[in-house]
Amino acid sequence: MLLLDIANGWKTAIMIVLMIAVFYLFLIKPQSDKTKKEAAYRDSLKAGDRLMTAGGIHVTFVSRDGSYASVEAAPGIRMKVQIATLQPIPERKTKK
């Protein structure tokens, strides 16, 4: 009887370890990779790059000041936005 209880304890421990591994592989790791990729993209911005804000406004990157960026929406119209809201302009899909 005691031997069966020990086996059930190991089964439970193995299941918990497997659940943690699945959570890590399918939820935590991909999100971490995505965050690192976005940070690398934002660090590589240079003057003249065409971007889009989170609100959908297409802008040109001008300069960086800490966690903020100066962007130009039209000639002579500059805005100050948080760098975290900047993203690349999505590519258009053309129909064939």
N, C-alpha and C. Protein backbone atom coordinates (compact mmCIF):
# COMPACT_ATOMS: atom_id res chain seq x y z
N MET A 1 0.82 -1.19 0.00
CA MET A 1 0.00 0.00 0.00
C MET A 1 0.87 1.26 0.00
N LEU A 2 1.92 1.24 0.77
CA LEU A 2 2.82 2.39 0.84
C LEU A 2 3.50 2.63 -0.51
N LEU A 3 3.83 1.58 -1.22
CA LEU A 3 4.49 1.69 -2.52
C LEU A 3 3.58 2.39 -3.54
N LEU A 4 2.30 2.13 -3.50
CA LEU A 4 1.37 2.78 -4.42
C LEU A 4 1.26 4.28 -4.14
N ASP A 5 1.32 4.68 -2.87
CA ASP A 5 1.25 6.10 -2.52
C ASP A 5 2.48 6.85 -3.03
N ILE A 6 3.63 6.26 -2.95
CA ILE A 6 4.85 6.90 -3.44
C ILE A 6 4.76 7.07 -4.96
N ALA A 7 4.27 6.07 -5.65
CA ALA A 7 4.14 6.16 -7.11
C ALA A 7 3.18 7.27 -7.51
N ASN A 8 2.07 7.43 -6.79
CA ASN A 8 1.13 8.51 -7.09
C ASN A 8 1.75 9.87 -6.83
N GLY A 9 2.57 9.96 -5.82
CA GLY A 9 3.26 11.22 -5.53
C GLY A 9 4.20 11.61 -6.65
N TRP A 10 4.91 10.63 -7.20
CA TRP A 10 5.81 10.91 -8.33
C TRP A 10 5.03 11.30 -9.57
N LYS A 11 3.91 10.64 -9.80
CA LYS A 11 3.08 10.98 -10.96
C LYS A 11 2.60 12.43 -10.86
N THR A 12 2.18 12.83 -9.68
CA THR A 12 1.72 14.20 -9.47
C THR A 12 2.86 15.19 -9.70
N ALA A 13 4.03 14.89 -9.16
CA ALA A 13 5.18 15.78 -9.32
C ALA A 13 5.57 15.91 -10.79
N ILE A 14 5.55 14.80 -11.51
CA ILE A 14 5.90 14.84 -12.93
C ILE A 14 4.87 15.66 -13.71
N MET A 15 3.59 15.51 -13.40
CA MET A 15 2.55 16.29 -14.07
C MET A 15 2.71 17.78 -13.81
N ILE A 16 3.04 18.16 -12.60
CA ILE A 16 3.24 19.58 -12.27
C ILE A 16 4.43 20.14 -13.04
N VAL A 17 5.52 19.38 -13.09
CA VAL A 17 6.70 19.82 -13.84
C VAL A 17 6.37 19.96 -15.32
N LEU A 18 5.63 19.02 -15.87
CA LEU A 18 5.23 19.10 -17.28
C LEU A 18 4.33 20.31 -17.55
N MET A 19 3.42 20.60 -16.64
CA MET A 19 2.54 21.76 -16.80
C MET A 19 3.35 23.05 -16.80
N ILE A 20 4.33 23.15 -15.90
CA ILE A 20 5.17 24.34 -15.84
C ILE A 20 5.98 24.47 -17.14
N ALA A 21 6.50 23.35 -17.64
CA ALA A 21 7.28 23.37 -18.89
C ALA A 21 6.40 23.82 -20.06
N VAL A 22 5.17 23.35 -20.13
CA VAL A 22 4.27 23.74 -21.21
C VAL A 22 3.96 25.23 -21.12
N PHE A 23 3.66 25.74 -19.93
CA PHE A 23 3.41 27.16 -19.76
C PHE A 23 4.62 27.98 -20.21
N TYR A 24 5.80 27.55 -19.83
CA TYR A 24 7.01 28.28 -20.21
C TYR A 24 7.20 28.27 -21.72
N LEU A 25 7.09 27.10 -22.35
CA LEU A 25 7.36 26.99 -23.78
C LEU A 25 6.31 27.68 -24.65
N PHE A 26 5.06 27.66 -24.24
CA PHE A 26 4.01 28.21 -25.09
C PHE A 26 3.53 29.60 -24.70
N LEU A 27 3.82 30.09 -23.50
CA LEU A 27 3.35 31.40 -23.09
C LEU A 27 4.48 32.36 -22.72
N ILE A 28 5.34 31.97 -21.83
CA ILE A 28 6.35 32.88 -21.30
C ILE A 28 7.47 33.14 -22.30
N LYS A 29 8.04 32.12 -22.88
CA LYS A 29 9.17 32.26 -23.80
C LYS A 29 8.81 33.06 -25.06
N PRO A 30 7.70 32.77 -25.74
CA PRO A 30 7.37 33.56 -26.92
C PRO A 30 7.14 35.04 -26.60
N GLN A 31 6.50 35.33 -25.47
CA GLN A 31 6.26 36.73 -25.10
C GLN A 31 7.58 37.43 -24.80
N SER A 32 8.49 36.75 -24.13
CA SER A 32 9.81 37.31 -23.84
C SER A 32 10.58 37.59 -25.13
N ASP A 33 10.53 36.66 -26.07
CA ASP A 33 11.21 36.85 -27.36
C ASP A 33 10.62 38.04 -28.12
N LYS A 34 9.31 38.17 -28.10
CA LYS A 34 8.64 39.27 -28.79
C LYS A 34 9.04 40.61 -28.18
N THR A 35 9.10 40.68 -26.85
CA THR A 35 9.49 41.90 -26.17
C THR A 35 10.92 42.29 -26.52
N LYS A 36 11.82 41.32 -26.55
CA LYS A 36 13.22 41.60 -26.90
C LYS A 36 13.34 42.08 -28.34
N LYS A 37 12.58 41.48 -29.24
CA LYS A 37 12.62 41.87 -30.65
C LYS A 37 12.11 43.30 -30.83
N GLU A 38 11.02 43.65 -30.14
CA GLU A 38 10.48 45.00 -30.23
C GLU A 38 11.46 46.03 -29.66
N ALA A 39 12.12 45.69 -28.55
CA ALA A 39 13.10 46.60 -27.95
C ALA A 39 14.29 46.82 -28.88
N ALA A 40 14.74 45.75 -29.53
CA ALA A 40 15.85 45.86 -30.48
C ALA A 40 15.44 46.74 -31.66
N TYR A 41 14.21 46.60 -32.13
CA TYR A 41 13.73 47.42 -33.24
C TYR A 41 13.72 48.90 -32.84
N ARG A 42 13.20 49.20 -31.68
CA ARG A 42 13.11 50.59 -31.23
C ARG A 42 14.49 51.19 -30.97
N ASP A 43 15.44 50.37 -30.54
CA ASP A 43 16.81 50.87 -30.33
C ASP A 43 17.51 51.15 -31.66
N SER A 44 17.09 50.50 -32.73
CA SER A 44 17.74 50.67 -34.02
C SER A 44 17.16 51.82 -34.85
N LEU A 45 16.19 52.55 -34.32
CA LEU A 45 15.57 53.63 -35.08
C LEU A 45 16.58 54.74 -35.35
N LYS A 46 16.50 55.30 -36.56
CA LYS A 46 17.37 56.42 -36.92
C LYS A 46 16.53 57.47 -37.65
N ALA A 47 17.04 58.67 -37.70
CA ALA A 47 16.32 59.77 -38.32
C ALA A 47 15.94 59.43 -39.75
N GLY A 48 14.72 59.73 -40.11
CA GLY A 48 14.23 59.48 -41.46
C GLY A 48 13.44 58.19 -41.60
N ASP A 49 13.45 57.32 -40.61
CA ASP A 49 12.69 56.06 -40.68
C ASP A 49 11.19 56.36 -40.68
N ARG A 50 10.46 55.66 -41.54
CA ARG A 50 9.01 55.78 -41.59
C ARG A 50 8.41 54.78 -40.61
N LEU A 51 7.50 55.25 -39.77
CA LEU A 51 6.90 54.43 -38.71
C LEU A 51 5.40 54.68 -38.65
N MET A 52 4.78 53.98 -37.74
CA MET A 52 3.38 54.18 -37.45
C MET A 52 3.21 54.20 -35.94
N THR A 53 2.38 55.12 -35.43
CA THR A 53 2.11 55.14 -34.00
C THR A 53 1.02 54.11 -33.69
N ALA A 54 0.82 53.87 -32.41
CA ALA A 54 -0.22 52.91 -32.01
C ALA A 54 -1.60 53.38 -32.45
N GLY A 55 -1.76 54.68 -32.64
CA GLY A 55 -3.04 55.23 -33.10
C GLY A 55 -3.23 55.15 -34.60
N GLY A 56 -2.20 54.67 -35.33
CA GLY A 56 -2.33 54.50 -36.77
C GLY A 56 -1.82 55.67 -37.58
N ILE A 57 -1.16 56.64 -36.95
CA ILE A 57 -0.65 57.80 -37.67
C ILE A 57 0.71 57.45 -38.25
N HIS A 58 0.88 57.65 -39.55
CA HIS A 58 2.16 57.39 -40.21
C HIS A 58 3.05 58.61 -40.02
N VAL A 59 4.23 58.38 -39.48
CA VAL A 59 5.14 59.47 -39.12
C VAL A 59 6.56 59.15 -39.58
N THR A 60 7.42 60.17 -39.51
CA THR A 60 8.84 60.01 -39.78
C THR A 60 9.59 60.28 -38.49
N PHE A 61 10.49 59.36 -38.13
CA PHE A 61 11.27 59.49 -36.90
C PHE A 61 12.27 60.62 -37.07
N VAL A 62 12.36 61.50 -36.04
CA VAL A 62 13.29 62.62 -36.08
C VAL A 62 14.40 62.44 -35.06
N SER A 63 14.03 62.29 -33.78
CA SER A 63 15.04 62.14 -32.74
C SER A 63 14.46 61.43 -31.53
N ARG A 64 15.36 61.07 -30.62
CA ARG A 64 14.98 60.34 -29.41
C ARG A 64 15.41 61.16 -28.19
N ASP A 65 14.56 61.15 -27.16
CA ASP A 65 14.88 61.83 -25.90
C ASP A 65 14.40 60.93 -24.76
N GLY A 66 15.25 60.00 -24.34
CA GLY A 66 14.87 59.06 -23.28
C GLY A 66 13.82 58.09 -23.78
N SER A 67 12.66 58.09 -23.11
CA SER A 67 11.59 57.17 -23.52
C SER A 67 10.61 57.85 -24.48
N TYR A 68 10.94 59.05 -24.93
CA TYR A 68 10.10 59.77 -25.88
C TYR A 68 10.84 59.96 -27.20
N ALA A 69 10.07 60.17 -28.25
CA ALA A 69 10.65 60.40 -29.57
C ALA A 69 9.94 61.59 -30.20
N SER A 70 10.70 62.36 -30.96
CA SER A 70 10.12 63.42 -31.77
C SER A 70 9.88 62.82 -33.15
N VAL A 71 8.67 62.98 -33.63
CA VAL A 71 8.30 62.46 -34.94
C VAL A 71 7.65 63.57 -35.74
N GLU A 72 7.69 63.43 -37.04
CA GLU A 72 7.11 64.42 -37.92
C GLU A 72 5.97 63.78 -38.70
N ALA A 73 4.76 64.32 -38.52
CA ALA A 73 3.58 63.76 -39.18
C ALA A 73 3.42 64.34 -40.59
N ALA A 74 3.81 65.58 -40.75
CA ALA A 74 3.79 66.27 -42.04
C ALA A 74 4.91 67.29 -42.00
N PRO A 75 5.32 67.82 -43.13
CA PRO A 75 6.41 68.81 -43.10
C PRO A 75 6.08 69.96 -42.15
N GLY A 76 6.94 70.14 -41.16
CA GLY A 76 6.77 71.21 -40.18
C GLY A 76 5.87 70.87 -39.00
N ILE A 77 5.26 69.69 -38.99
CA ILE A 77 4.37 69.31 -37.88
C ILE A 77 5.04 68.19 -37.10
N ARG A 78 5.59 68.54 -35.95
CA ARG A 78 6.28 67.57 -35.11
C ARG A 78 5.45 67.25 -33.87
N MET A 79 5.57 66.01 -33.44
CA MET A 79 4.87 65.55 -32.24
C MET A 79 5.87 64.82 -31.36
N LYS A 80 5.58 64.81 -30.08
CA LYS A 80 6.39 64.05 -29.13
C LYS A 80 5.54 62.87 -28.67
N VAL A 81 6.05 61.65 -28.90
CA VAL A 81 5.31 60.43 -28.55
C VAL A 81 6.21 59.50 -27.75
N GLN A 82 5.61 58.58 -27.05
CA GLN A 82 6.40 57.57 -26.35
C GLN A 82 6.94 56.58 -27.37
N ILE A 83 8.18 56.19 -27.18
CA ILE A 83 8.81 55.26 -28.12
C ILE A 83 8.07 53.93 -28.14
N ALA A 84 7.50 53.53 -27.02
CA ALA A 84 6.81 52.25 -26.94
C ALA A 84 5.60 52.18 -27.88
N THR A 85 5.10 53.34 -28.33
CA THR A 85 3.93 53.33 -29.22
C THR A 85 4.32 53.23 -30.68
N LEU A 86 5.61 53.29 -31.00
CA LEU A 86 6.05 53.25 -32.40
C LEU A 86 6.21 51.82 -32.88
N GLN A 87 5.80 51.59 -34.11
CA GLN A 87 5.91 50.26 -34.70
C GLN A 87 6.14 50.41 -36.19
N PRO A 88 6.66 49.37 -36.83
CA PRO A 88 6.87 49.46 -38.27
C PRO A 88 5.55 49.53 -39.02
N ILE A 89 5.59 50.15 -40.17
CA ILE A 89 4.39 50.23 -41.00
C ILE A 89 4.15 48.85 -41.60
N PRO A 90 2.95 48.31 -41.44
CA PRO A 90 2.69 46.97 -41.99
C PRO A 90 2.74 46.99 -43.51
N GLU A 91 3.24 45.90 -44.08
CA GLU A 91 3.31 45.79 -45.53
C GLU A 91 1.93 45.52 -46.10
N ARG A 92 1.67 46.12 -47.24
CA ARG A 92 0.38 45.89 -47.90
C ARG A 92 0.41 44.56 -48.63
N LYS A 93 -0.67 43.86 -48.57
CA LYS A 93 -0.80 42.60 -49.30
C LYS A 93 -1.47 42.90 -50.63
N THR A 94 -0.83 42.51 -51.70
CA THR A 94 -1.40 42.75 -53.01
C THR A 94 -2.12 41.50 -53.50
N LYS A 95 -3.22 41.71 -54.20
CA LYS A 95 -3.98 40.60 -54.77
C LYS A 95 -3.37 40.23 -56.10
N LYS A 96 -3.31 38.95 -56.37
CA LYS A 96 -2.77 38.48 -57.65
C LYS A 96 -3.87 38.03 -58.56
